[in-house]
Structure formats: C-alpha cells, structure tokens
Amino acid sequence: MTVRRILVAGIAAPALVLAAPAVAMADTDYEAEQSAAGPNGAWSHSVESSADGDGDASYEETKTKAGPHGAFSSSVESEAD
C-alpha cells in the first residue's frame, strides 16, 4: 500500500505544481451596478474591476444622482500595467 501511495503522489505532485501557476494567472473580473428612481429623484452607482495574469489591473467607480435640488456626478478610474 505504501508503494502505491508513493506512486500516486509522484504522479499527482508534478501535475499540481504545473497547474498552480495557471490558476494564479487566471483573469478576474468584477462588476456591480445599482440604481433607483423615486418621486424625489434618481441615483446610480457602478463598480468595475479586473486583473489578468500579466499584472494588468483596472478599477472604475461611478456615482450619479439627480433630485429636486440639483445633480451630482463622480467618477474614479485607475489602471496599472
């Protein structure tokens, strides 16, 4: 039984070692949006972010609001290579 375990570990370990960087380099994306409207105005909010295996990353957040006393808009963006 011990020889069998050693053989299975000997086969599985290199496969895991080779697969680990592929998992670490996977692209990742996230998006979320919210909005609402009512008798006193409307608003929206969105967030987007992403990263890839090449080290590129980005982030964007946007907020808007309009109501009886005026309107507001805000945006933030960031990127890294």
PDB file of N, CA and C in Angstrom:
ATOM      1  N   MET A   1       0.817  -1.195   0.000  1.00  0.00           N
ATOM      2  CA  MET A   1       0.000   0.000   0.000  1.00  0.00           C
ATOM      3  C   MET A   1       0.865   1.264   0.000  1.00  0.00           C
ATOM      4  N   THR A   2       1.990   1.253   0.683  1.00  0.00           N
ATOM      5  CA  THR A   2       2.868   2.410   0.745  1.00  0.00           C
ATOM      6  C   THR A   2       3.462   2.724  -0.627  1.00  0.00           C
ATOM      7  N   VAL A   3       3.835   1.719  -1.380  1.00  0.00           N
ATOM      8  CA  VAL A   3       4.381   1.919  -2.719  1.00  0.00           C
ATOM      9  C   VAL A   3       3.329   2.565  -3.616  1.00  0.00           C
ATOM     10  N   ARG A   4       2.100   2.133  -3.495  1.00  0.00           N
ATOM     11  CA  ARG A   4       1.017   2.708  -4.305  1.00  0.00           C
ATOM     12  C   ARG A   4       0.838   4.192  -3.969  1.00  0.00           C
ATOM     13  N   ARG A   5       0.875   4.535  -2.703  1.00  0.00           N
ATOM     14  CA  ARG A   5       0.732   5.935  -2.299  1.00  0.00           C
ATOM     15  C   ARG A   5       1.873   6.787  -2.832  1.00  0.00           C
ATOM     16  N   ILE A   6       3.075   6.253  -2.788  1.00  0.00           N
ATOM     17  CA  ILE A   6       4.232   6.981  -3.310  1.00  0.00           C
ATOM     18  C   ILE A   6       4.091   7.206  -4.808  1.00  0.00           C
ATOM     19  N   LEU A   7       3.624   6.202  -5.536  1.00  0.00           N
ATOM     20  CA  LEU A   7       3.431   6.339  -6.979  1.00  0.00           C
ATOM     21  C   LEU A   7       2.351   7.376  -7.295  1.00  0.00           C
ATOM     22  N   VAL A   8       1.239   7.327  -6.569  1.00  0.00           N
ATOM     23  CA  VAL A   8       0.164   8.296  -6.799  1.00  0.00           C
ATOM     24  C   VAL A   8       0.654   9.699  -6.480  1.00  0.00           C
ATOM     25  N   ALA A   9       1.356   9.876  -5.378  1.00  0.00           N
ATOM     26  CA  ALA A   9       1.903  11.191  -5.024  1.00  0.00           C
ATOM     27  C   ALA A   9       2.926  11.652  -6.050  1.00  0.00           C
ATOM     28  N   GLY A  10       3.727  10.725  -6.549  1.00  0.00           N
ATOM     29  CA  GLY A  10       4.733  11.063  -7.562  1.00  0.00           C
ATOM     30  C   GLY A  10       4.119  11.518  -8.868  1.00  0.00           C
ATOM     31  N   ILE A  11       2.942  11.013  -9.176  1.00  0.00           N
ATOM     32  CA  ILE A  11       2.241  11.426 -10.403  1.00  0.00           C
ATOM     33  C   ILE A  11       1.445  12.703 -10.162  1.00  0.00           C
ATOM     34  N   ALA A  12       0.792  12.805  -9.009  1.00  0.00           N
ATOM     35  CA  ALA A  12      -0.084  13.940  -8.734  1.00  0.00           C
ATOM     36  C   ALA A  12       0.699  15.229  -8.447  1.00  0.00           C
ATOM     37  N   ALA A  13       1.814  15.131  -7.748  1.00  0.00           N
ATOM     38  CA  ALA A  13       2.556  16.329  -7.348  1.00  0.00           C
ATOM     39  C   ALA A  13       3.008  17.176  -8.537  1.00  0.00           C
ATOM     40  N   PRO A  14       3.637  16.592  -9.569  1.00  0.00           N
ATOM     41  CA  PRO A  14       4.034  17.438 -10.710  1.00  0.00           C
ATOM     42  C   PRO A  14       2.840  18.075 -11.419  1.00  0.00           C
ATOM     43  N   ALA A  15       1.737  17.357 -11.495  1.00  0.00           N
ATOM     44  CA  ALA A  15       0.540  17.922 -12.137  1.00  0.00           C
ATOM     45  C   ALA A  15       0.042  19.128 -11.352  1.00  0.00           C
ATOM     46  N   LEU A  16       0.036  19.042 -10.034  1.00  0.00           N
ATOM     47  CA  LEU A  16      -0.387  20.174  -9.207  1.00  0.00           C
ATOM     48  C   LEU A  16       0.579  21.340  -9.320  1.00  0.00           C
ATOM     49  N   VAL A  17       1.858  21.060  -9.347  1.00  0.00           N
ATOM     50  CA  VAL A  17       2.862  22.121  -9.469  1.00  0.00           C
ATOM     51  C   VAL A  17       2.708  22.855 -10.804  1.00  0.00           C
ATOM     52  N   LEU A  18       2.435  22.131 -11.861  1.00  0.00           N
ATOM     53  CA  LEU A  18       2.267  22.754 -13.176  1.00  0.00           C
ATOM     54  C   LEU A  18       0.934  23.488 -13.288  1.00  0.00           C
ATOM     55  N   ALA A  19      -0.081  23.023 -12.599  1.00  0.00           N
ATOM     56  CA  ALA A  19      -1.405  23.659 -12.677  1.00  0.00           C
ATOM     57  C   ALA A  19      -1.498  24.910 -11.815  1.00  0.00           C
ATOM     58  N   ALA A  20      -0.745  24.999 -10.736  1.00  0.00           N
ATOM     59  CA  ALA A  20      -0.850  26.129  -9.803  1.00  0.00           C
ATOM     60  C   ALA A  20      -0.602  27.481 -10.471  1.00  0.00           C
ATOM     61  N   PRO A  21       0.442  27.650 -11.300  1.00  0.00           N
ATOM     62  CA  PRO A  21       0.630  28.954 -11.945  1.00  0.00           C
ATOM     63  C   PRO A  21      -0.518  29.313 -12.879  1.00  0.00           C
ATOM     64  N   ALA A  22      -1.118  28.347 -13.516  1.00  0.00           N
ATOM     65  CA  ALA A  22      -2.248  28.622 -14.404  1.00  0.00           C
ATOM     66  C   ALA A  22      -3.417  29.179 -13.615  1.00  0.00           C
ATOM     67  N   VAL A  23      -3.638  28.658 -12.423  1.00  0.00           N
ATOM     68  CA  VAL A  23      -4.706  29.174 -11.576  1.00  0.00           C
ATOM     69  C   VAL A  23      -4.365  30.583 -11.118  1.00  0.00           C
ATOM     70  N   ALA A  24      -3.129  30.831 -10.766  1.00  0.00           N
ATOM     71  CA  ALA A  24      -2.714  32.148 -10.300  1.00  0.00           C
ATOM     72  C   ALA A  24      -2.778  33.193 -11.412  1.00  0.00           C
ATOM     73  N   MET A  25      -2.648  32.786 -12.655  1.00  0.00           N
ATOM     74  CA  MET A  25      -2.659  33.726 -13.774  1.00  0.00           C
ATOM     75  C   MET A  25      -4.047  33.895 -14.380  1.00  0.00           C
ATOM     76  N   ALA A  26      -5.064  33.337 -13.788  1.00  0.00           N
ATOM     77  CA  ALA A  26      -6.404  33.444 -14.344  1.00  0.00           C
ATOM     78  C   ALA A  26      -6.867  34.900 -14.329  1.00  0.00           C
ATOM     79  N   ASP A  27      -7.580  35.304 -15.365  1.00  0.00           N
ATOM     80  CA  ASP A  27      -8.149  36.642 -15.418  1.00  0.00           C
ATOM     81  C   ASP A  27      -9.313  36.728 -14.438  1.00  0.00           C
ATOM     82  N   THR A  28      -9.458  37.896 -13.827  1.00  0.00           N
ATOM     83  CA  THR A  28     -10.513  38.110 -12.853  1.00  0.00           C
ATOM     84  C   THR A  28     -11.248  39.394 -13.192  1.00  0.00           C
ATOM     85  N   ASP A  29     -12.561  39.323 -13.232  1.00  0.00           N
ATOM     86  CA  ASP A  29     -13.400  40.493 -13.498  1.00  0.00           C
ATOM     87  C   ASP A  29     -14.499  40.580 -12.447  1.00  0.00           C
ATOM     88  N   TYR A  30     -14.863  41.804 -12.086  1.00  0.00           N
ATOM     89  CA  TYR A  30     -15.963  42.038 -11.150  1.00  0.00           C
ATOM     90  C   TYR A  30     -16.744  43.250 -11.612  1.00  0.00           C
ATOM     91  N   GLU A  31     -18.061  43.144 -11.616  1.00  0.00           N
ATOM     92  CA  GLU A  31     -18.932  44.261 -11.962  1.00  0.00           C
ATOM     93  C   GLU A  31     -20.126  44.270 -11.032  1.00  0.00           C
ATOM     94  N   ALA A  32     -20.544  45.455 -10.616  1.00  0.00           N
ATOM     95  CA  ALA A  32     -21.753  45.609  -9.818  1.00  0.00           C
ATOM     96  C   ALA A  32     -22.418  46.927 -10.201  1.00  0.00           C
ATOM     97  N   GLU A  33     -23.729  46.901 -10.329  1.00  0.00           N
ATOM     98  CA  GLU A  33     -24.486  48.101 -10.664  1.00  0.00           C
ATOM     99  C   GLU A  33     -25.730  48.170  -9.798  1.00  0.00           C
ATOM    100  N   GLN A  34     -26.057  49.380  -9.365  1.00  0.00           N
ATOM    101  CA  GLN A  34     -27.269  49.623  -8.602  1.00  0.00           C
ATOM    102  C   GLN A  34     -27.872  50.920  -9.103  1.00  0.00           C
ATOM    103  N   SER A  35     -29.185  50.997  -9.113  1.00  0.00           N
ATOM    104  CA  SER A  35     -29.852  52.236  -9.475  1.00  0.00           C
ATOM    105  C   SER A  35     -31.250  52.242  -8.877  1.00  0.00           C
ATOM    106  N   ALA A  36     -31.771  53.444  -8.698  1.00  0.00           N
ATOM    107  CA  ALA A  36     -33.117  53.594  -8.161  1.00  0.00           C
ATOM    108  C   ALA A  36     -33.685  54.933  -8.610  1.00  0.00           C
ATOM    109  N   ALA A  37     -34.985  54.995  -8.662  1.00  0.00           N
ATOM    110  CA  ALA A  37     -35.673  56.235  -9.009  1.00  0.00           C
ATOM    111  C   ALA A  37     -36.939  56.328  -8.170  1.00  0.00           C
ATOM    112  N   GLY A  38     -37.284  57.534  -7.794  1.00  0.00           N
ATOM    113  CA  GLY A  38     -38.482  57.751  -6.994  1.00  0.00           C
ATOM    114  C   GLY A  38     -38.972  59.169  -7.176  1.00  0.00           C
ATOM    115  N   PRO A  39     -39.933  59.580  -6.364  1.00  0.00           N
ATOM    116  CA  PRO A  39     -40.515  60.916  -6.517  1.00  0.00           C
ATOM    117  C   PRO A  39     -39.536  62.057  -6.215  1.00  0.00           C
ATOM    118  N   ASN A  40     -38.465  61.769  -5.498  1.00  0.00           N
ATOM    119  CA  ASN A  40     -37.503  62.814  -5.154  1.00  0.00           C
ATOM    120  C   ASN A  40     -36.243  62.799  -6.014  1.00  0.00           C
ATOM    121  N   GLY A  41     -36.178  61.925  -7.015  1.00  0.00           N
ATOM    122  CA  GLY A  41     -35.013  61.899  -7.892  1.00  0.00           C
ATOM    123  C   GLY A  41     -34.567  60.483  -8.217  1.00  0.00           C
ATOM    124  N   ALA A  42     -33.350  60.391  -8.735  1.00  0.00           N
ATOM    125  CA  ALA A  42     -32.804  59.095  -9.141  1.00  0.00           C
ATOM    126  C   ALA A  42     -31.312  59.060  -8.848  1.00  0.00           C
ATOM    127  N   TRP A  43     -30.754  57.852  -8.707  1.00  0.00           N
ATOM    128  CA  TRP A  43     -29.327  57.684  -8.480  1.00  0.00           C
ATOM    129  C   TRP A  43     -28.854  56.389  -9.118  1.00  0.00           C
ATOM    130  N   SER A  44     -27.576  56.323  -9.375  1.00  0.00           N
ATOM    131  CA  SER A  44     -26.968  55.086  -9.868  1.00  0.00           C
ATOM    132  C   SER A  44     -25.537  54.995  -9.344  1.00  0.00           C
ATOM    133  N   HIS A  45     -25.072  53.766  -9.228  1.00  0.00           N
ATOM    134  CA  HIS A  45     -23.726  53.504  -8.733  1.00  0.00           C
ATOM    135  C   HIS A  45     -23.209  52.273  -9.459  1.00  0.00           C
ATOM    136  N   SER A  46     -21.990  52.327  -9.961  1.00  0.00           N
ATOM    137  CA  SER A  46     -21.408  51.154 -10.613  1.00  0.00           C
ATOM    138  C   SER A  46     -19.935  51.032 -10.231  1.00  0.00           C
ATOM    139  N   VAL A  47     -19.486  49.785 -10.142  1.00  0.00           N
ATOM    140  CA  VAL A  47     -18.098  49.472  -9.833  1.00  0.00           C
ATOM    141  C   VAL A  47     -17.642  48.382 -10.787  1.00  0.00           C
ATOM    142  N   GLU A  48     -16.476  48.552 -11.362  1.00  0.00           N
ATOM    143  CA  GLU A  48     -15.876  47.535 -12.227  1.00  0.00           C
ATOM    144  C   GLU A  48     -14.406  47.401 -11.855  1.00  0.00           C
ATOM    145  N   SER A  49     -13.935  46.166 -11.789  1.00  0.00           N
ATOM    146  CA  SER A  49     -12.507  45.944 -11.572  1.00  0.00           C
ATOM    147  C   SER A  49     -12.085  44.694 -12.320  1.00  0.00           C
ATOM    148  N   SER A  50     -10.822  44.648 -12.698  1.00  0.00           N
ATOM    149  CA  SER A  50     -10.309  43.482 -13.417  1.00  0.00           C
ATOM    150  C   SER A  50      -8.807  43.367 -13.185  1.00  0.00           C
ATOM    151  N   ALA A  51      -8.330  42.148 -13.311  1.00  0.00           N
ATOM    152  CA  ALA A  51      -6.897  41.865 -13.218  1.00  0.00           C
ATOM    153  C   ALA A  51      -6.613  40.653 -14.090  1.00  0.00           C
ATOM    154  N   ASP A  52      -5.434  40.629 -14.691  1.00  0.00           N
ATOM    155  CA  ASP A  52      -5.084  39.476 -15.519  1.00  0.00           C
ATOM    156  C   ASP A  52      -3.728  38.919 -15.100  1.00  0.00           C
ATOM    157  N   GLY A  53      -3.368  37.832 -15.704  1.00  0.00           N
ATOM    158  CA  GLY A  53      -2.134  37.141 -15.364  1.00  0.00           C
ATOM    159  C   GLY A  53      -0.874  37.888 -15.763  1.00  0.00           C
ATOM    160  N   ASP A  54      -1.004  38.947 -16.569  1.00  0.00           N
ATOM    161  CA  ASP A  54       0.157  39.728 -16.990  1.00  0.00           C
ATOM    162  C   ASP A  54       0.474  40.861 -16.017  1.00  0.00           C
ATOM    163  N   GLY A  55      -0.315  40.983 -14.956  1.00  0.00           N
ATOM    164  CA  GLY A  55      -0.099  42.053 -13.992  1.00  0.00           C
ATOM    165  C   GLY A  55      -0.883  43.315 -14.281  1.00  0.00           C
ATOM    166  N   ASP A  56      -1.728  43.312 -15.306  1.00  0.00           N
ATOM    167  CA  ASP A  56      -2.564  44.469 -15.614  1.00  0.00           C
ATOM    168  C   ASP A  56      -3.776  44.466 -14.687  1.00  0.00           C
ATOM    169  N   ALA A  57      -4.117  45.637 -14.174  1.00  0.00           N
ATOM    170  CA  ALA A  57      -5.270  45.753 -13.290  1.00  0.00           C
ATOM    171  C   ALA A  57      -5.973  47.079 -13.552  1.00  0.00           C
ATOM    172  N   SER A  58      -7.289  47.095 -13.367  1.00  0.00           N
ATOM    173  CA  SER A  58      -8.037  48.335 -13.533  1.00  0.00           C
ATOM    174  C   SER A  58      -9.194  48.386 -12.542  1.00  0.00           C
ATOM    175  N   TYR A  59      -9.615  49.613 -12.226  1.00  0.00           N
ATOM    176  CA  TYR A  59     -10.712  49.852 -11.296  1.00  0.00           C
ATOM    177  C   TYR A  59     -11.455  51.089 -11.764  1.00  0.00           C
ATOM    178  N   GLU A  60     -12.791  51.037 -11.735  1.00  0.00           N
ATOM    179  CA  GLU A  60     -13.595  52.196 -12.098  1.00  0.00           C
ATOM    180  C   GLU A  60     -14.844  52.220 -11.221  1.00  0.00           C
ATOM    181  N   GLU A  61     -15.145  53.388 -10.681  1.00  0.00           N
ATOM    182  CA  GLU A  61     -16.355  53.568  -9.879  1.00  0.00           C
ATOM    183  C   GLU A  61     -17.039  54.848 -10.327  1.00  0.00           C
ATOM    184  N   THR A  62     -18.342  54.785 -10.541  1.00  0.00           N
ATOM    185  CA  THR A  62     -19.111  55.927 -10.998  1.00  0.00           C
ATOM    186  C   THR A  62     -20.354  56.084 -10.128  1.00  0.00           C
ATOM    187  N   LYS A  63     -20.628  57.322  -9.716  1.00  0.00           N
ATOM    188  CA  LYS A  63     -21.831  57.629  -8.944  1.00  0.00           C
ATOM    189  C   LYS A  63     -22.532  58.812  -9.595  1.00  0.00           C
ATOM    190  N   THR A  64     -23.828  58.728  -9.718  1.00  0.00           N
ATOM    191  CA  THR A  64     -24.622  59.847 -10.228  1.00  0.00           C
ATOM    192  C   THR A  64     -25.898  59.960  -9.402  1.00  0.00           C
ATOM    193  N   LYS A  65     -26.367  61.195  -9.281  1.00  0.00           N
ATOM    194  CA  LYS A  65     -27.596  61.437  -8.522  1.00  0.00           C
ATOM    195  C   LYS A  65     -28.254  62.697  -9.074  1.00  0.00           C
ATOM    196  N   ALA A  66     -29.552  62.672  -9.189  1.00  0.00           N
ATOM    197  CA  ALA A  66     -30.305  63.848  -9.610  1.00  0.00           C
ATOM    198  C   ALA A  66     -31.563  63.931  -8.751  1.00  0.00           C
ATOM    199  N   GLY A  67     -31.877  65.131  -8.324  1.00  0.00           N
ATOM    200  CA  GLY A  67     -33.054  65.321  -7.491  1.00  0.00           C
ATOM    201  C   GLY A  67     -33.589  66.723  -7.619  1.00  0.00           C
ATOM    202  N   PRO A  68     -34.506  67.095  -6.758  1.00  0.00           N
ATOM    203  CA  PRO A  68     -35.137  68.410  -6.861  1.00  0.00           C
ATOM    204  C   PRO A  68     -34.171  69.572  -6.582  1.00  0.00           C
ATOM    205  N   HIS A  69     -33.040  69.292  -5.959  1.00  0.00           N
ATOM    206  CA  HIS A  69     -32.088  70.364  -5.628  1.00  0.00           C
ATOM    207  C   HIS A  69     -30.849  70.362  -6.519  1.00  0.00           C
ATOM    208  N   GLY A  70     -30.845  69.555  -7.586  1.00  0.00           N
ATOM    209  CA  GLY A  70     -29.708  69.552  -8.494  1.00  0.00           C
ATOM    210  C   GLY A  70     -29.234  68.155  -8.846  1.00  0.00           C
ATOM    211  N   ALA A  71     -28.043  68.121  -9.405  1.00  0.00           N
ATOM    212  CA  ALA A  71     -27.481  66.845  -9.868  1.00  0.00           C
ATOM    213  C   ALA A  71     -26.035  66.727  -9.403  1.00  0.00           C
ATOM    214  N   PHE A  72     -25.557  65.486  -9.336  1.00  0.00           N
ATOM    215  CA  PHE A  72     -24.207  65.194  -8.866  1.00  0.00           C
ATOM    216  C   PHE A  72     -23.661  64.032  -9.683  1.00  0.00           C
ATOM    217  N   SER A  73     -22.366  64.107  -9.995  1.00  0.00           N
ATOM    218  CA  SER A  73     -21.715  63.011 -10.714  1.00  0.00           C
ATOM    219  C   SER A  73     -20.280  62.895 -10.222  1.00  0.00           C
ATOM    220  N   SER A  74     -19.815  61.659 -10.028  1.00  0.00           N
ATOM    221  CA  SER A  74     -18.452  61.419  -9.568  1.00  0.00           C
ATOM    222  C   SER A  74     -17.915  60.168 -10.247  1.00  0.00           C
ATOM    223  N   SER A  75     -16.651  60.219 -10.626  1.00  0.00           N
ATOM    224  CA  SER A  75     -16.041  59.074 -11.302  1.00  0.00           C
ATOM    225  C   SER A  75     -14.587  58.930 -10.873  1.00  0.00           C
ATOM    226  N   VAL A  76     -14.175  57.689 -10.629  1.00  0.00           N
ATOM    227  CA  VAL A  76     -12.789  57.379 -10.275  1.00  0.00           C
ATOM    228  C   VAL A  76     -12.320  56.262 -11.170  1.00  0.00           C
ATOM    229  N   GLU A  77     -11.133  56.403 -11.756  1.00  0.00           N
ATOM    230  CA  GLU A  77     -10.553  55.362 -12.603  1.00  0.00           C
ATOM    231  C   GLU A  77      -9.093  55.177 -12.224  1.00  0.00           C
ATOM    232  N   SER A  78      -8.645  53.915 -12.290  1.00  0.00           N
ATOM    233  CA  SER A  78      -7.245  53.605 -12.014  1.00  0.00           C
ATOM    234  C   SER A  78      -6.824  52.421 -12.870  1.00  0.00           C
ATOM    235  N   GLU A  79      -5.616  52.482 -13.406  1.00  0.00           N
ATOM    236  CA  GLU A  79      -5.068  51.378 -14.191  1.00  0.00           C
ATOM    237  C   GLU A  79      -3.604  51.171 -13.832  1.00  0.00           C
ATOM    238  N   ALA A  80      -3.172  49.920 -13.889  1.00  0.00           N
ATOM    239  CA  ALA A  80      -1.768  49.592 -13.658  1.00  0.00           C
ATOM    240  C   ALA A  80      -1.351  48.525 -14.646  1.00  0.00           C
ATOM    241  N   ASP A  81      -0.170  48.675 -15.188  1.00  0.00           N
ATOM    242  CA  ASP A  81       0.376  47.680 -16.127  1.00  0.00           C
ATOM    243  C   ASP A  81       1.520  46.932 -15.469  1.00  0.00           C
TER     244      ASP A  81
END
